[in-house]
Amino acid sequence: MPTWLILIIIGAVLLILGVATGIGQWLIWIGVAVLVVSLILALVGRGSSRV
């Protein structure tokens, strides 16, 4: 499994847990940050593999 896919899954789980449980806004922000980082890594990985 690629690293970016694992990060997307973890970010989505954190985002869902943050919304569903309401235990804190920080879970939502961590989930969003992980999703953004994983998307950036995916784009960078695709860009470097084309060259």
N, C-alpha and C. Protein backbone atom coordinates (compact mmCIF):
# COMPACT_ATOMS: atom_id res chain seq x y z
N MET A 1 0.84 -1.19 0.00
CA MET A 1 0.00 0.00 0.00
C MET A 1 0.88 1.24 0.00
N PRO A 2 0.62 2.17 -0.92
CA PRO A 2 1.44 3.37 -0.95
C PRO A 2 1.23 4.23 0.31
N THR A 3 2.25 4.98 0.65
CA THR A 3 2.20 5.82 1.84
C THR A 3 1.09 6.86 1.76
N TRP A 4 0.91 7.45 0.59
CA TRP A 4 -0.11 8.50 0.46
C TRP A 4 -1.50 7.93 0.67
N LEU A 5 -1.73 6.69 0.26
CA LEU A 5 -3.04 6.08 0.45
C LEU A 5 -3.31 5.82 1.93
N ILE A 6 -2.30 5.37 2.65
CA ILE A 6 -2.43 5.15 4.09
C ILE A 6 -2.73 6.47 4.80
N LEU A 7 -2.03 7.55 4.39
CA LEU A 7 -2.27 8.86 5.00
C LEU A 7 -3.68 9.36 4.72
N ILE A 8 -4.19 9.12 3.51
CA ILE A 8 -5.55 9.54 3.19
C ILE A 8 -6.55 8.79 4.06
N ILE A 9 -6.34 7.49 4.24
CA ILE A 9 -7.25 6.70 5.07
C ILE A 9 -7.21 7.17 6.52
N ILE A 10 -6.01 7.40 7.05
CA ILE A 10 -5.88 7.88 8.43
C ILE A 10 -6.53 9.25 8.60
N GLY A 11 -6.31 10.14 7.64
CA GLY A 11 -6.91 11.47 7.70
C GLY A 11 -8.43 11.41 7.66
N ALA A 12 -8.97 10.55 6.81
CA ALA A 12 -10.43 10.42 6.72
C ALA A 12 -11.00 9.86 8.02
N VAL A 13 -10.33 8.88 8.61
CA VAL A 13 -10.80 8.30 9.87
C VAL A 13 -10.77 9.35 10.98
N LEU A 14 -9.69 10.11 11.07
CA LEU A 14 -9.61 11.16 12.08
C LEU A 14 -10.69 12.22 11.88
N LEU A 15 -10.94 12.56 10.62
CA LEU A 15 -11.97 13.54 10.32
C LEU A 15 -13.34 13.04 10.73
N ILE A 16 -13.65 11.80 10.41
CA ILE A 16 -14.95 11.21 10.78
C ILE A 16 -15.08 11.11 12.29
N LEU A 17 -14.03 10.65 12.97
CA LEU A 17 -14.08 10.55 14.43
C LEU A 17 -14.27 11.92 15.08
N GLY A 18 -13.60 12.91 14.55
CA GLY A 18 -13.72 14.26 15.10
C GLY A 18 -15.13 14.80 14.97
N VAL A 19 -15.79 14.50 13.85
CA VAL A 19 -17.16 14.98 13.63
C VAL A 19 -18.15 14.13 14.41
N ALA A 20 -17.98 12.80 14.38
CA ALA A 20 -18.96 11.89 14.97
C ALA A 20 -18.95 11.95 16.49
N THR A 21 -17.77 11.99 17.10
CA THR A 21 -17.70 11.92 18.55
C THR A 21 -17.78 13.29 19.20
N GLY A 22 -17.35 14.30 18.50
CA GLY A 22 -17.37 15.64 19.08
C GLY A 22 -16.39 15.80 20.23
N ILE A 23 -15.35 14.95 20.28
CA ILE A 23 -14.41 15.03 21.40
C ILE A 23 -13.45 16.19 21.26
N GLY A 24 -13.41 16.80 20.09
CA GLY A 24 -12.56 17.98 20.00
C GLY A 24 -12.34 18.42 18.58
N GLN A 25 -12.17 19.73 18.43
CA GLN A 25 -11.87 20.29 17.13
C GLN A 25 -10.49 19.87 16.64
N TRP A 26 -9.61 19.54 17.56
CA TRP A 26 -8.23 19.22 17.16
C TRP A 26 -8.18 17.96 16.32
N LEU A 27 -9.07 17.00 16.56
CA LEU A 27 -9.10 15.79 15.72
C LEU A 27 -9.46 16.16 14.29
N ILE A 28 -10.40 17.08 14.14
CA ILE A 28 -10.81 17.50 12.80
C ILE A 28 -9.63 18.18 12.09
N TRP A 29 -8.94 19.06 12.81
CA TRP A 29 -7.81 19.77 12.19
C TRP A 29 -6.66 18.83 11.85
N ILE A 30 -6.40 17.85 12.71
CA ILE A 30 -5.36 16.86 12.41
C ILE A 30 -5.75 16.06 11.17
N GLY A 31 -7.03 15.68 11.09
CA GLY A 31 -7.50 14.93 9.93
C GLY A 31 -7.35 15.73 8.65
N VAL A 32 -7.71 17.00 8.68
CA VAL A 32 -7.58 17.86 7.51
C VAL A 32 -6.11 18.01 7.13
N ALA A 33 -5.25 18.22 8.11
CA ALA A 33 -3.82 18.39 7.84
C ALA A 33 -3.24 17.14 7.20
N VAL A 34 -3.61 15.97 7.73
CA VAL A 34 -3.09 14.72 7.16
C VAL A 34 -3.59 14.53 5.74
N LEU A 35 -4.86 14.85 5.48
CA LEU A 35 -5.39 14.74 4.12
C LEU A 35 -4.66 15.66 3.15
N VAL A 36 -4.41 16.89 3.57
CA VAL A 36 -3.71 17.84 2.70
C VAL A 36 -2.29 17.38 2.41
N VAL A 37 -1.59 16.94 3.45
CA VAL A 37 -0.22 16.46 3.27
C VAL A 37 -0.19 15.25 2.35
N SER A 38 -1.13 14.34 2.52
CA SER A 38 -1.14 13.14 1.68
C SER A 38 -1.45 13.49 0.23
N LEU A 39 -2.33 14.45 0.01
CA LEU A 39 -2.61 14.86 -1.37
C LEU A 39 -1.40 15.52 -2.01
N ILE A 40 -0.69 16.33 -1.25
CA ILE A 40 0.53 16.96 -1.77
C ILE A 40 1.57 15.91 -2.11
N LEU A 41 1.74 14.93 -1.22
CA LEU A 41 2.71 13.86 -1.49
C LEU A 41 2.32 13.06 -2.72
N ALA A 42 1.03 12.83 -2.91
CA ALA A 42 0.56 12.10 -4.08
C ALA A 42 0.87 12.87 -5.37
N LEU A 43 0.63 14.18 -5.34
CA LEU A 43 0.91 15.00 -6.52
C LEU A 43 2.40 15.08 -6.81
N VAL A 44 3.20 15.22 -5.77
CA VAL A 44 4.65 15.27 -5.95
C VAL A 44 5.16 13.94 -6.48
N GLY A 45 4.62 12.84 -5.95
CA GLY A 45 5.04 11.51 -6.40
C GLY A 45 4.68 11.28 -7.86
N ARG A 46 3.52 11.73 -8.28
CA ARG A 46 3.13 11.58 -9.69
C ARG A 46 3.98 12.44 -10.58
N GLY A 47 4.27 13.65 -10.13
CA GLY A 47 5.10 14.56 -10.92
C GLY A 47 6.51 14.04 -11.11
N SER A 48 7.08 13.46 -10.08
CA SER A 48 8.44 12.96 -10.19
C SER A 48 8.51 11.65 -10.97
N SER A 49 7.42 10.88 -10.98
CA SER A 49 7.45 9.62 -11.71
C SER A 49 7.30 9.85 -13.21
N ARG A 50 6.74 11.00 -13.61
CA ARG A 50 6.60 11.30 -15.04
C ARG A 50 7.93 11.67 -15.67
N VAL A 51 8.83 12.26 -14.89
CA VAL A 51 10.10 12.77 -15.42
C VAL A 51 11.03 11.64 -15.77
